[in-house]
PDB file of all heavy atoms in Angstrom:
ATOM      1  N   PRO A   1     130.436 207.457  50.971  1.00  0.00           N
ATOM      2  CA  PRO A   1     129.272 208.103  50.313  1.00  0.00           C
ATOM      3  C   PRO A   1     128.994 207.793  48.952  1.00  0.00           C
ATOM      4  O   PRO A   1     127.845 207.845  48.484  1.00  0.00           O
ATOM      5  CB  PRO A   1     129.555 209.598  50.574  1.00  0.00           C
ATOM      6  CG  PRO A   1     130.617 209.634  51.599  1.00  0.00           C
ATOM      7  CD  PRO A   1     131.413 208.397  51.536  1.00  0.00           C
ATOM      8  N   ASP A   2     130.045 207.466  48.235  1.00  0.00           N
ATOM      9  CA  ASP A   2     129.913 207.148  46.805  1.00  0.00           C
ATOM     10  C   ASP A   2     129.862 205.669  46.499  1.00  0.00           C
ATOM     11  O   ASP A   2     130.044 205.270  45.332  1.00  0.00           O
ATOM     12  CB  ASP A   2     131.016 207.800  45.947  1.00  0.00           C
ATOM     13  CG  ASP A   2     132.424 207.415  46.468  1.00  0.00           C
ATOM     14  OD1 ASP A   2     132.533 206.580  47.445  1.00  0.00           O
ATOM     15  OD2 ASP A   2     133.425 207.892  45.906  1.00  0.00           O
ATOM     16  N   ARG A   3     129.589 204.813  47.512  1.00  0.00           N
ATOM     17  CA  ARG A   3     129.464 203.440  47.207  1.00  0.00           C
ATOM     18  C   ARG A   3     128.231 203.134  46.348  1.00  0.00           C
ATOM     19  O   ARG A   3     127.286 203.889  46.431  1.00  0.00           O
ATOM     20  CB  ARG A   3     129.285 202.594  48.555  1.00  0.00           C
ATOM     21  CG  ARG A   3     128.034 202.882  49.276  1.00  0.00           C
ATOM     22  CD  ARG A   3     128.051 202.277  50.680  1.00  0.00           C
ATOM     23  NE  ARG A   3     126.786 202.460  51.390  1.00  0.00           N
ATOM     24  CZ  ARG A   3     126.353 203.541  51.975  1.00  0.00           C
ATOM     25  NH1 ARG A   3     127.167 204.605  51.963  1.00  0.00           N
ATOM     26  NH2 ARG A   3     125.205 203.611  52.542  1.00  0.00           N
ATOM     27  N   VAL A   4     128.373 202.122  45.526  1.00  0.00           N
ATOM     28  CA  VAL A   4     127.222 201.805  44.530  1.00  0.00           C
ATOM     29  C   VAL A   4     126.314 200.762  45.123  1.00  0.00           C
ATOM     30  O   VAL A   4     125.142 200.737  44.931  1.00  0.00           O
ATOM     31  CB  VAL A   4     127.790 201.529  43.113  1.00  0.00           C
ATOM     32  CG1 VAL A   4     126.651 201.073  42.236  1.00  0.00           C
ATOM     33  CG2 VAL A   4     128.484 202.699  42.586  1.00  0.00           C
ATOM     34  N   TRP A   5     126.913 199.816  45.852  1.00  0.00           N
ATOM     35  CA  TRP A   5     126.079 198.694  46.280  1.00  0.00           C
ATOM     36  C   TRP A   5     126.198 198.530  47.798  1.00  0.00           C
ATOM     37  O   TRP A   5     125.480 199.083  48.565  1.00  0.00           O
ATOM     38  CB  TRP A   5     126.522 197.409  45.580  1.00  0.00           C
ATOM     39  CG  TRP A   5     125.656 196.157  45.880  1.00  0.00           C
ATOM     40  CD1 TRP A   5     126.000 195.075  46.507  1.00  0.00           C
ATOM     41  CD2 TRP A   5     124.234 196.135  45.618  1.00  0.00           C
ATOM     42  NE1 TRP A   5     124.946 194.199  46.642  1.00  0.00           N
ATOM     43  CE2 TRP A   5     123.827 194.843  46.188  1.00  0.00           C
ATOM     44  CE3 TRP A   5     123.324 196.870  45.060  1.00  0.00           C
ATOM     45  CZ2 TRP A   5     122.511 194.401  46.069  1.00  0.00           C
ATOM     46  CZ3 TRP A   5     122.012 196.490  45.001  1.00  0.00           C
ATOM     47  CH2 TRP A   5     121.609 195.221  45.470  1.00  0.00           C
ATOM     48  N   ASN A   6     127.149 197.820  48.289  1.00  0.00           N
ATOM     49  CA  ASN A   6     127.249 197.448  49.729  1.00  0.00           C
ATOM     50  C   ASN A   6     128.543 198.041  50.264  1.00  0.00           C
ATOM     51  O   ASN A   6     129.206 198.883  49.713  1.00  0.00           O
ATOM     52  CB  ASN A   6     127.176 195.929  49.813  1.00  0.00           C
ATOM     53  CG  ASN A   6     126.504 195.514  51.168  1.00  0.00           C
ATOM     54  OD1 ASN A   6     126.530 196.185  52.161  1.00  0.00           O
ATOM     55  ND2 ASN A   6     125.931 194.338  51.148  1.00  0.00           N
ATOM     56  N   ASP A   7     128.915 197.547  51.446  1.00  0.00           N
ATOM     57  CA  ASP A   7     130.109 198.108  52.074  1.00  0.00           C
ATOM     58  C   ASP A   7     130.992 196.992  52.710  1.00  0.00           C
ATOM     59  O   ASP A   7     131.811 197.192  53.596  1.00  0.00           O
ATOM     60  CB  ASP A   7     129.759 199.129  53.220  1.00  0.00           C
ATOM     61  CG  ASP A   7     128.562 198.663  53.996  1.00  0.00           C
ATOM     62  OD1 ASP A   7     128.299 197.476  54.123  1.00  0.00           O
ATOM     63  OD2 ASP A   7     127.829 199.568  54.508  1.00  0.00           O
ATOM     64  N   ASP A   8     130.721 195.733  52.296  1.00  0.00           N
ATOM     65  CA  ASP A   8     131.469 194.631  52.811  1.00  0.00           C
ATOM     66  C   ASP A   8     132.786 194.382  52.014  1.00  0.00           C
ATOM     67  O   ASP A   8     133.049 195.056  51.022  1.00  0.00           O
ATOM     68  CB  ASP A   8     130.582 193.355  52.613  1.00  0.00           C
ATOM     69  CG  ASP A   8     131.010 192.178  53.381  1.00  0.00           C
ATOM     70  OD1 ASP A   8     132.081 192.284  54.114  1.00  0.00           O
ATOM     71  OD2 ASP A   8     130.399 191.107  53.326  1.00  0.00           O
ATOM     72  N   TRP A   9     133.607 193.475  52.473  1.00  0.00           N
ATOM     73  CA  TRP A   9     134.817 193.022  51.739  1.00  0.00           C
ATOM     74  C   TRP A   9     134.878 191.555  51.659  1.00  0.00           C
ATOM     75  O   TRP A   9     135.106 190.895  52.671  1.00  0.00           O
ATOM     76  CB  TRP A   9     136.102 193.581  52.477  1.00  0.00           C
ATOM     77  CG  TRP A   9     136.048 195.063  52.781  1.00  0.00           C
ATOM     78  CD1 TRP A   9     135.509 195.738  53.825  1.00  0.00           C
ATOM     79  CD2 TRP A   9     136.627 196.032  51.989  1.00  0.00           C
ATOM     80  NE1 TRP A   9     135.699 197.036  53.761  1.00  0.00           N
ATOM     81  CE2 TRP A   9     136.439 197.291  52.634  1.00  0.00           C
ATOM     82  CE3 TRP A   9     137.388 196.023  50.784  1.00  0.00           C
ATOM     83  CZ2 TRP A   9     136.852 198.513  52.086  1.00  0.00           C
ATOM     84  CZ3 TRP A   9     137.844 197.264  50.233  1.00  0.00           C
ATOM     85  CH2 TRP A   9     137.575 198.465  50.917  1.00  0.00           C
ATOM     86  N   ASP A  10     134.620 190.966  50.507  1.00  0.00           N
ATOM     87  CA  ASP A  10     134.493 189.528  50.426  1.00  0.00           C
ATOM     88  C   ASP A  10     135.834 188.865  49.923  1.00  0.00           C
ATOM     89  O   ASP A  10     136.114 187.792  50.358  1.00  0.00           O
ATOM     90  CB  ASP A  10     133.376 189.115  49.471  1.00  0.00           C
ATOM     91  CG  ASP A  10     132.039 189.042  50.083  1.00  0.00           C
ATOM     92  OD1 ASP A  10     131.907 189.602  51.260  1.00  0.00           O
ATOM     93  OD2 ASP A  10     131.080 188.605  49.464  1.00  0.00           O
ATOM     94  N   GLY A  11     136.434 189.471  48.969  1.00  0.00           N
ATOM     95  CA  GLY A  11     137.637 188.927  48.379  1.00  0.00           C
ATOM     96  C   GLY A  11     138.786 188.912  49.366  1.00  0.00           C
ATOM     97  O   GLY A  11     138.884 189.831  50.200  1.00  0.00           O
ATOM     98  N   ASN A  12     139.703 187.914  49.333  1.00  0.00           N
ATOM     99  CA  ASN A  12     140.853 187.944  50.176  1.00  0.00           C
ATOM    100  C   ASN A  12     141.879 188.814  49.513  1.00  0.00           C
ATOM    101  O   ASN A  12     142.108 188.775  48.349  1.00  0.00           O
ATOM    102  CB  ASN A  12     141.396 186.542  50.468  1.00  0.00           C
ATOM    103  CG  ASN A  12     142.091 185.941  49.387  1.00  0.00           C
ATOM    104  OD1 ASN A  12     141.531 185.578  48.334  1.00  0.00           O
ATOM    105  ND2 ASN A  12     143.416 185.727  49.470  1.00  0.00           N
ATOM    106  N   PRO A  13     142.504 189.728  50.389  1.00  0.00           N
ATOM    107  CA  PRO A  13     143.459 190.737  49.806  1.00  0.00           C
ATOM    108  C   PRO A  13     144.605 190.115  49.182  1.00  0.00           C
ATOM    109  O   PRO A  13     145.173 189.085  49.719  1.00  0.00           O
ATOM    110  CB  PRO A  13     143.811 191.579  51.073  1.00  0.00           C
ATOM    111  CG  PRO A  13     142.731 191.281  52.047  1.00  0.00           C
ATOM    112  CD  PRO A  13     142.263 189.892  51.806  1.00  0.00           C
ATOM    113  N   VAL A  14     145.130 190.661  48.090  1.00  0.00           N
ATOM    114  CA  VAL A  14     146.351 190.241  47.476  1.00  0.00           C
ATOM    115  C   VAL A  14     147.439 191.138  47.961  1.00  0.00           C
ATOM    116  O   VAL A  14     147.337 192.387  47.929  1.00  0.00           O
ATOM    117  CB  VAL A  14     146.293 190.365  45.933  1.00  0.00           C
ATOM    118  CG1 VAL A  14     147.594 190.029  45.304  1.00  0.00           C
ATOM    119  CG2 VAL A  14     145.200 189.438  45.378  1.00  0.00           C
ATOM    120  N   VAL A  15     148.552 190.626  48.426  1.00  0.00           N
ATOM    121  CA  VAL A  15     149.705 191.379  48.875  1.00  0.00           C
ATOM    122  C   VAL A  15     150.931 191.006  48.000  1.00  0.00           C
ATOM    123  O   VAL A  15     151.369 189.825  48.042  1.00  0.00           O
ATOM    124  CB  VAL A  15     150.030 191.154  50.419  1.00  0.00           C
ATOM    125  CG1 VAL A  15     151.223 192.008  50.758  1.00  0.00           C
ATOM    126  CG2 VAL A  15     148.802 191.601  51.232  1.00  0.00           C
ATOM    127  N   ILE A  16     151.399 191.954  47.225  1.00  0.00           N
ATOM    128  CA  ILE A  16     152.521 191.733  46.334  1.00  0.00           C
ATOM    129  C   ILE A  16     153.346 192.946  46.184  1.00  0.00           C
ATOM    130  O   ILE A  16     152.814 194.051  45.988  1.00  0.00           O
ATOM    131  CB  ILE A  16     151.989 191.121  45.004  1.00  0.00           C
ATOM    132  CG1 ILE A  16     153.138 190.660  44.057  1.00  0.00           C
ATOM    133  CG2 ILE A  16     151.084 192.135  44.276  1.00  0.00           C
ATOM    134  CD1 ILE A  16     152.645 189.903  42.887  1.00  0.00           C
ATOM    135  N   ASN A  17     154.645 192.805  46.261  1.00  0.00           N
ATOM    136  CA  ASN A  17     155.560 193.963  46.048  1.00  0.00           C
ATOM    137  C   ASN A  17     155.217 195.103  46.972  1.00  0.00           C
ATOM    138  O   ASN A  17     155.205 196.253  46.533  1.00  0.00           O
ATOM    139  CB  ASN A  17     155.571 194.487  44.579  1.00  0.00           C
ATOM    140  CG  ASN A  17     156.050 193.345  43.660  1.00  0.00           C
ATOM    141  OD1 ASN A  17     156.900 192.503  44.062  1.00  0.00           O
ATOM    142  ND2 ASN A  17     155.614 193.282  42.481  1.00  0.00           N
ATOM    143  N   ASP A  18     154.917 194.810  48.245  1.00  0.00           N
ATOM    144  CA  ASP A  18     154.566 195.756  49.182  1.00  0.00           C
ATOM    145  C   ASP A  18     153.319 196.600  48.908  1.00  0.00           C
ATOM    146  O   ASP A  18     153.099 197.731  49.396  1.00  0.00           O
ATOM    147  CB  ASP A  18     155.741 196.841  49.466  1.00  0.00           C
ATOM    148  CG  ASP A  18     155.602 197.525  50.836  1.00  0.00           C
ATOM    149  OD1 ASP A  18     155.156 196.913  51.763  1.00  0.00           O
ATOM    150  OD2 ASP A  18     155.951 198.800  50.803  1.00  0.00           O
ATOM    151  N   HIS A  19     152.390 195.956  48.110  1.00  0.00           N
ATOM    152  CA  HIS A  19     151.165 196.647  47.753  1.00  0.00           C
ATOM    153  C   HIS A  19     149.989 195.730  48.148  1.00  0.00           C
ATOM    154  O   HIS A  19     150.070 194.420  48.019  1.00  0.00           O
ATOM    155  CB  HIS A  19     151.001 196.921  46.251  1.00  0.00           C
ATOM    156  CG  HIS A  19     151.832 198.096  45.801  1.00  0.00           C
ATOM    157  ND1 HIS A  19     153.169 198.050  45.695  1.00  0.00           N
ATOM    158  CD2 HIS A  19     151.486 199.358  45.533  1.00  0.00           C
ATOM    159  CE1 HIS A  19     153.675 199.305  45.266  1.00  0.00           C
ATOM    160  NE2 HIS A  19     152.622 200.077  45.174  1.00  0.00           N
ATOM    161  N   LEU A  20     149.021 196.297  48.696  1.00  0.00           N
ATOM    162  CA  LEU A  20     147.737 195.629  49.040  1.00  0.00           C
ATOM    163  C   LEU A  20     146.725 195.901  47.945  1.00  0.00           C
ATOM    164  O   LEU A  20     146.397 197.086  47.617  1.00  0.00           O
ATOM    165  CB  LEU A  20     147.183 196.093  50.365  1.00  0.00           C
ATOM    166  CG  LEU A  20     145.799 195.637  50.806  1.00  0.00           C
ATOM    167  CD1 LEU A  20     145.807 194.114  51.037  1.00  0.00           C
ATOM    168  CD2 LEU A  20     145.382 196.346  52.110  1.00  0.00           C
ATOM    169  N   ILE A  21     146.176 194.878  47.300  1.00  0.00           N
ATOM    170  CA  ILE A  21     145.228 194.972  46.189  1.00  0.00           C
ATOM    171  C   ILE A  21     143.894 194.353  46.519  1.00  0.00           C
ATOM    172  O   ILE A  21     143.887 193.196  46.918  1.00  0.00           O
ATOM    173  CB  ILE A  21     145.865 194.387  44.901  1.00  0.00           C
ATOM    174  CG1 ILE A  21     147.245 194.896  44.665  1.00  0.00           C
ATOM    175  CG2 ILE A  21     144.914 194.567  43.655  1.00  0.00           C
ATOM    176  CD1 ILE A  21     147.993 194.119  43.586  1.00  0.00           C
ATOM    177  N   GLU A  22     142.808 195.060  46.396  1.00  0.00           N
ATOM    178  CA  GLU A  22     141.584 194.542  46.928  1.00  0.00           C
ATOM    179  C   GLU A  22     140.411 195.236  46.178  1.00  0.00           C
ATOM    180  O   GLU A  22     140.455 196.448  45.862  1.00  0.00           O
ATOM    181  CB  GLU A  22     141.404 194.780  48.371  1.00  0.00           C
ATOM    182  CG  GLU A  22     140.086 194.388  49.047  1.00  0.00           C
ATOM    183  CD  GLU A  22     139.887 192.864  49.156  1.00  0.00           C
ATOM    184  OE1 GLU A  22     140.168 192.131  48.158  1.00  0.00           O
ATOM    185  OE2 GLU A  22     139.544 192.411  50.271  1.00  0.00           O
ATOM    186  N   GLY A  23     139.292 194.451  46.009  1.00  0.00           N
ATOM    187  CA  GLY A  23     138.081 195.125  45.531  1.00  0.00           C
ATOM    188  C   GLY A  23     136.999 195.073  46.595  1.00  0.00           C
ATOM    189  O   GLY A  23     136.966 194.109  47.405  1.00  0.00           O
ATOM    190  N   GLY A  24     136.108 196.043  46.669  1.00  0.00           N
ATOM    191  CA  GLY A  24     135.132 196.154  47.788  1.00  0.00           C
ATOM    192  C   GLY A  24     133.727 195.975  47.217  1.00  0.00           C
ATOM    193  O   GLY A  24     133.473 196.166  46.015  1.00  0.00           O
ATOM    194  N   GLU A  25     132.836 195.561  48.125  1.00  0.00           N
ATOM    195  CA  GLU A  25     131.443 195.476  47.768  1.00  0.00           C
ATOM    196  C   GLU A  25     130.824 196.829  47.527  1.00  0.00           C
ATOM    197  O   GLU A  25     129.723 197.001  47.059  1.00  0.00           O
ATOM    198  CB  GLU A  25     130.640 194.670  48.793  1.00  0.00           C
ATOM    199  CG  GLU A  25     130.751 193.204  48.601  1.00  0.00           C
ATOM    200  CD  GLU A  25     129.559 192.488  49.271  1.00  0.00           C
ATOM    201  OE1 GLU A  25     128.392 193.045  49.286  1.00  0.00           O
ATOM    202  OE2 GLU A  25     129.692 191.381  49.716  1.00  0.00           O
ATOM    203  N   ASN A  26     131.604 197.886  47.920  1.00  0.00           N
ATOM    204  CA  ASN A  26     131.168 199.264  47.535  1.00  0.00           C
ATOM    205  C   ASN A  26     131.352 199.539  46.058  1.00  0.00           C
ATOM    206  O   ASN A  26     131.169 200.665  45.597  1.00  0.00           O
ATOM    207  CB  ASN A  26     131.834 200.281  48.398  1.00  0.00           C
ATOM    208  CG  ASN A  26     133.373 200.329  48.314  1.00  0.00           C
ATOM    209  OD1 ASN A  26     133.933 199.715  47.423  1.00  0.00           O
ATOM    210  ND2 ASN A  26     133.978 201.112  49.063  1.00  0.00           N
ATOM    211  N   SER A  27     131.903 198.542  45.337  1.00  0.00           N
ATOM    212  CA  SER A  27     132.062 198.585  43.869  1.00  0.00           C
ATOM    213  C   SER A  27     133.333 199.324  43.425  1.00  0.00           C
ATOM    214  O   SER A  27     133.497 199.551  42.268  1.00  0.00           O
ATOM    215  CB  SER A  27     130.824 199.144  43.147  1.00  0.00           C
ATOM    216  OG  SER A  27     129.695 198.513  43.558  1.00  0.00           O
ATOM    217  N   TRP A  28     134.235 199.641  44.375  1.00  0.00           N
ATOM    218  CA  TRP A  28     135.456 200.307  44.008  1.00  0.00           C
ATOM    219  C   TRP A  28     136.644 199.318  44.162  1.00  0.00           C
ATOM    220  O   TRP A  28     136.688 198.415  44.933  1.00  0.00           O
ATOM    221  CB  TRP A  28     135.714 201.538  44.939  1.00  0.00           C
ATOM    222  CG  TRP A  28     134.696 202.651  44.694  1.00  0.00           C
ATOM    223  CD1 TRP A  28     133.462 202.774  45.144  1.00  0.00           C
ATOM    224  CD2 TRP A  28     134.965 203.862  43.911  1.00  0.00           C
ATOM    225  NE1 TRP A  28     132.860 203.854  44.693  1.00  0.00           N
ATOM    226  CE2 TRP A  28     133.741 204.620  43.962  1.00  0.00           C
ATOM    227  CE3 TRP A  28     136.046 204.321  43.287  1.00  0.00           C
ATOM    228  CZ2 TRP A  28     133.676 205.833  43.318  1.00  0.00           C
ATOM    229  CZ3 TRP A  28     135.958 205.543  42.616  1.00  0.00           C
ATOM    230  CH2 TRP A  28     134.772 206.322  42.646  1.00  0.00           C
ATOM    231  N   PHE A  29     137.659 199.636  43.319  1.00  0.00           N
ATOM    232  CA  PHE A  29     138.931 198.869  43.262  1.00  0.00           C
ATOM    233  C   PHE A  29     140.043 199.662  43.917  1.00  0.00           C
ATOM    234  O   PHE A  29     140.180 200.870  43.571  1.00  0.00           O
ATOM    235  CB  PHE A  29     139.253 198.501  41.840  1.00  0.00           C
ATOM    236  CG  PHE A  29     140.590 197.842  41.670  1.00  0.00           C
ATOM    237  CD1 PHE A  29     140.776 196.533  42.007  1.00  0.00           C
ATOM    238  CD2 PHE A  29     141.611 198.535  41.037  1.00  0.00           C
ATOM    239  CE1 PHE A  29     142.002 195.921  41.883  1.00  0.00           C
ATOM    240  CE2 PHE A  29     142.865 197.930  40.861  1.00  0.00           C
ATOM    241  CZ  PHE A  29     143.058 196.629  41.294  1.00  0.00           C
ATOM    242  N   TYR A  30     140.793 199.074  44.772  1.00  0.00           N
ATOM    243  CA  TYR A  30     141.798 199.708  45.597  1.00  0.00           C
ATOM    244  C   TYR A  30     143.191 199.109  45.435  1.00  0.00           C
ATOM    245  O   TYR A  30     143.327 197.873  45.395  1.00  0.00           O
ATOM    246  CB  TYR A  30     141.466 199.772  47.075  1.00  0.00           C
ATOM    247  CG  TYR A  30     140.145 200.470  47.441  1.00  0.00           C
ATOM    248  CD1 TYR A  30     138.931 199.718  47.330  1.00  0.00           C
ATOM    249  CD2 TYR A  30     140.183 201.722  47.878  1.00  0.00           C
ATOM    250  CE1 TYR A  30     137.761 200.353  47.705  1.00  0.00           C
ATOM    251  CE2 TYR A  30     138.990 202.342  48.234  1.00  0.00           C
ATOM    252  CZ  TYR A  30     137.776 201.640  48.135  1.00  0.00           C
ATOM    253  OH  TYR A  30     136.629 202.284  48.502  1.00  0.00           O
ATOM    254  N   VAL A  31     144.247 199.991  45.455  1.00  0.00           N
ATOM    255  CA  VAL A  31     145.612 199.552  45.680  1.00  0.00           C
ATOM    256  C   VAL A  31     146.254 200.483  46.655  1.00  0.00           C
ATOM    257  O   VAL A  31     146.152 201.668  46.579  1.00  0.00           O
ATOM    258  CB  VAL A  31     146.409 199.584  44.348  1.00  0.00           C
ATOM    259  CG1 VAL A  31     147.877 199.116  44.598  1.00  0.00           C
ATOM    260  CG2 VAL A  31     145.769 198.687  43.232  1.00  0.00           C
ATOM    261  N   TYR A  32     146.868 199.852  47.714  1.00  0.00           N
ATOM    262  CA  TYR A  32     147.577 200.657  48.733  1.00  0.00           C
ATOM    263  C   TYR A  32     149.045 200.217  48.758  1.00  0.00           C
ATOM    264  O   TYR A  32     149.331 199.053  48.732  1.00  0.00           O
ATOM    265  CB  TYR A  32     147.008 200.388  50.144  1.00  0.00           C
ATOM    266  CG  TYR A  32     145.685 201.061  50.375  1.00  0.00           C
ATOM    267  CD1 TYR A  32     144.489 200.434  50.074  1.00  0.00           C
ATOM    268  CD2 TYR A  32     145.606 202.293  51.015  1.00  0.00           C
ATOM    269  CE1 TYR A  32     143.250 200.969  50.320  1.00  0.00           C
ATOM    270  CE2 TYR A  32     144.426 202.909  51.227  1.00  0.00           C
ATOM    271  CZ  TYR A  32     143.247 202.298  50.885  1.00  0.00           C
ATOM    272  OH  TYR A  32     141.997 202.837  51.144  1.00  0.00           O
ATOM    273  N   LYS A  33     149.965 201.289  48.861  1.00  0.00           N
ATOM    274  CA  LYS A  33     151.338 200.967  49.116  1.00  0.00           C
ATOM    275  C   LYS A  33     151.455 200.840  50.654  1.00  0.00           C
ATOM    276  O   LYS A  33     151.132 201.688  51.419  1.00  0.00           O
ATOM    277  CB  LYS A  33     152.219 202.150  48.676  1.00  0.00           C
ATOM    278  CG  LYS A  33     153.674 201.989  48.997  1.00  0.00           C
ATOM    279  CD  LYS A  33     154.313 201.055  47.963  1.00  0.00           C
ATOM    280  CE  LYS A  33     155.880 201.104  48.086  1.00  0.00           C
ATOM    281  NZ  LYS A  33     156.474 200.799  49.373  1.00  0.00           N
ATOM    282  N   LEU A  34     151.929 199.682  51.058  1.00  0.00           N
ATOM    283  CA  LEU A  34     151.816 199.234  52.489  1.00  0.00           C
ATOM    284  C   LEU A  34     152.911 199.963  53.395  1.00  0.00           C
ATOM    285  O   LEU A  34     152.733 200.294  54.534  1.00  0.00           O
ATOM    286  CB  LEU A  34     151.944 197.763  52.676  1.00  0.00           C
ATOM    287  CG  LEU A  34     150.737 197.013  52.249  1.00  0.00           C
ATOM    288  CD1 LEU A  34     150.956 195.504  52.187  1.00  0.00           C
ATOM    289  CD2 LEU A  34     149.591 197.310  53.165  1.00  0.00           C
ATOM    290  N   ASN A  35     154.145 200.111  52.769  1.00  0.00           N
ATOM    291  CA  ASN A  35     155.296 200.701  53.521  1.00  0.00           C
ATOM    292  C   ASN A  35     155.507 199.890  54.812  1.00  0.00           C
ATOM    293  O   ASN A  35     155.584 200.506  55.908  1.00  0.00           O
ATOM    294  CB  ASN A  35     155.031 202.177  53.831  1.00  0.00           C
ATOM    295  CG  ASN A  35     154.909 203.035  52.558  1.00  0.00           C
ATOM    296  OD1 ASN A  35     155.820 202.966  51.683  1.00  0.00           O
ATOM    297  ND2 ASN A  35     153.795 203.726  52.392  1.00  0.00           N
ATOM    298  N   ARG A  36     155.638 198.611  54.694  1.00  0.00           N
ATOM    299  CA  ARG A  36     155.885 197.744  55.852  1.00  0.00           C
ATOM    300  C   ARG A  36     157.351 197.943  56.313  1.00  0.00           C
ATOM    301  O   ARG A  36     158.270 197.994  55.578  1.00  0.00           O
ATOM    302  CB  ARG A  36     155.677 196.274  55.459  1.00  0.00           C
ATOM    303  CG  ARG A  36     154.296 195.923  54.989  1.00  0.00           C
ATOM    304  CD  ARG A  36     154.294 194.559  54.330  1.00  0.00           C
ATOM    305  NE  ARG A  36     155.075 194.600  53.124  1.00  0.00           N
ATOM    306  CZ  ARG A  36     155.310 193.531  52.360  1.00  0.00           C
ATOM    307  NH1 ARG A  36     154.849 192.375  52.613  1.00  0.00           N
ATOM    308  NH2 ARG A  36     156.076 193.598  51.243  1.00  0.00           N
ATOM    309  N   LYS A  37     157.500 197.883  57.648  1.00  0.00           N
ATOM    310  CA  LYS A  37     158.901 197.949  58.193  1.00  0.00           C
ATOM    311  C   LYS A  37     158.786 197.600  59.643  1.00  0.00           C
ATOM    312  O   LYS A  37     157.663 197.322  60.188  1.00  0.00           O
ATOM    313  CB  LYS A  37     159.483 199.314  58.049  1.00  0.00           C
ATOM    314  CG  LYS A  37     158.801 200.499  58.800  1.00  0.00           C
ATOM    315  CD  LYS A  37     159.527 201.783  58.554  1.00  0.00           C
ATOM    316  CE  LYS A  37     158.902 202.940  59.382  1.00  0.00           C
ATOM    317  NZ  LYS A  37     159.610 204.172  59.235  1.00  0.00           N
ATOM    318  N   TYR A  38     159.952 197.544  60.322  1.00  0.00           N
ATOM    319  CA  TYR A  38     160.049 197.293  61.719  1.00  0.00           C
ATOM    320  C   TYR A  38     160.553 198.487  62.473  1.00  0.00           C
ATOM    321  O   TYR A  38     161.406 199.255  61.993  1.00  0.00           O
ATOM    322  CB  TYR A  38     160.953 196.105  62.026  1.00  0.00           C
ATOM    323  CG  TYR A  38     160.432 194.761  61.566  1.00  0.00           C
ATOM    324  CD1 TYR A  38     160.884 194.249  60.352  1.00  0.00           C
ATOM    325  CD2 TYR A  38     159.546 194.043  62.311  1.00  0.00           C
ATOM    326  CE1 TYR A  38     160.386 193.016  59.866  1.00  0.00           C
ATOM    327  CE2 TYR A  38     159.065 192.812  61.896  1.00  0.00           C
ATOM    328  CZ  TYR A  38     159.482 192.306  60.668  1.00  0.00           C
ATOM    329  OH  TYR A  38     159.020 191.119  60.254  1.00  0.00           O
ATOM    330  N   THR A  39     160.010 198.720  63.674  1.00  0.00           N
ATOM    331  CA  THR A  39     160.524 199.857  64.503  1.00  0.00           C
ATOM    332  C   THR A  39     161.843 199.472  65.105  1.00  0.00           C
ATOM    333  O   THR A  39     162.390 198.325  64.945  1.00  0.00           O
ATOM    334  CB  THR A  39     159.506 200.123  65.686  1.00  0.00           C
ATOM    335  OG1 THR A  39     159.466 198.919  66.559  1.00  0.00           O
ATOM    336  CG2 THR A  39     158.191 200.382  65.054  1.00  0.00           C
ATOM    337  N   ALA A  40     162.440 200.449  65.839  1.00  0.00           N
ATOM    338  CA  ALA A  40     163.729 200.181  66.494  1.00  0.00           C
ATOM    339  C   ALA A  40     163.619 199.095  67.564  1.00  0.00           C
ATOM    340  O   ALA A  40     164.540 198.478  67.909  1.00  0.00           O
ATOM    341  CB  ALA A  40     164.253 201.523  67.093  1.00  0.00           C
ATOM    342  N   GLN A  41     162.377 198.991  68.079  1.00  0.00           N
ATOM    343  CA  GLN A  41     162.052 197.954  69.040  1.00  0.00           C
ATOM    344  C   GLN A  41     161.741 196.599  68.477  1.00  0.00           C
ATOM    345  O   GLN A  41     161.490 195.602  69.195  1.00  0.00           O
ATOM    346  CB  GLN A  41     160.962 198.431  69.982  1.00  0.00           C
ATOM    347  CG  GLN A  41     161.260 199.596  70.900  1.00  0.00           C
ATOM    348  CD  GLN A  41     161.340 200.888  70.116  1.00  0.00           C
ATOM    349  OE1 GLN A  41     160.554 201.086  69.148  1.00  0.00           O
ATOM    350  NE2 GLN A  41     162.278 201.753  70.454  1.00  0.00           N
TER     351      GLN A  41
END
């Protein structure tokens, strides 16, 4: 709802130190802690 321009994702995501770093065409900048792991299977 608070996007300023569009809603696309053009940049390729940066993944470093278990974090996903990306900017959106909605004009917001994001960082996510991924918490990657494997299941028991």
